[in-house]
Amino acid sequence: MPASSTYHYRFEGMLGAYQRIGYHCTKDPSFRRVLSAVDAPAAELVAHLLAAFRRLGVEVEHAPGSDCFVVAGEFTWAVVTARCQRTKYDTLVWPVQTPPAVDLTITARLNEANDGIQDYFFFPRLDRPPRHVRLRPRNHRLLEADRFGTLEPLLTLAARVSISNAG
């Protein structure tokens, strides 16, 4: 069976392939618009981080075959967006799937309308929550310790300091 990228390239995805052979999906495809709207902030965040690292003079490379980036050959990071969902009990949750093989997972939690970033969680590999976690408006203190309103702590961490200025 061909790779999913083949279907995406030739038919603009599996849905396009099915439509060409006469199959019409009976499910509502509106979720695809929501997913593409959620992907936009993630792409903007990655572009913003890459530009910020460049301004700091920090080298960042894209790890081939993945969504990971390597900072100065020292640590890897990936961006994950957490879309806001309302439960049947009318509470807000943000499901997160953390990638397994990065040193730092940058989770951008979207606002209630899912049209902008509300805050960030920086999950280091050693303290990362389980692969699937549901964030809430207020979380356990161990999760809240990784919550930030801006990206500044990450950029400060990655900035280069000369040895003469370190003391």
Foldseek 3Di string as FASTA:
>chain_A
DDDQVVCCVPQVGPQSVCVVVPDDDPDDPVVVVVVVLLVVQQVVVVVVVVVLCVVLVWDKAQDPPDQWIQINVPFIEHEAEFEWDADPVRFIKTKAAADQPGQWYWYFYADNVSNGGAWIFIAGNVLHDPRIDIDGPDDDVSRVVRIGRDCVVVSVVRHDDDPVPPD
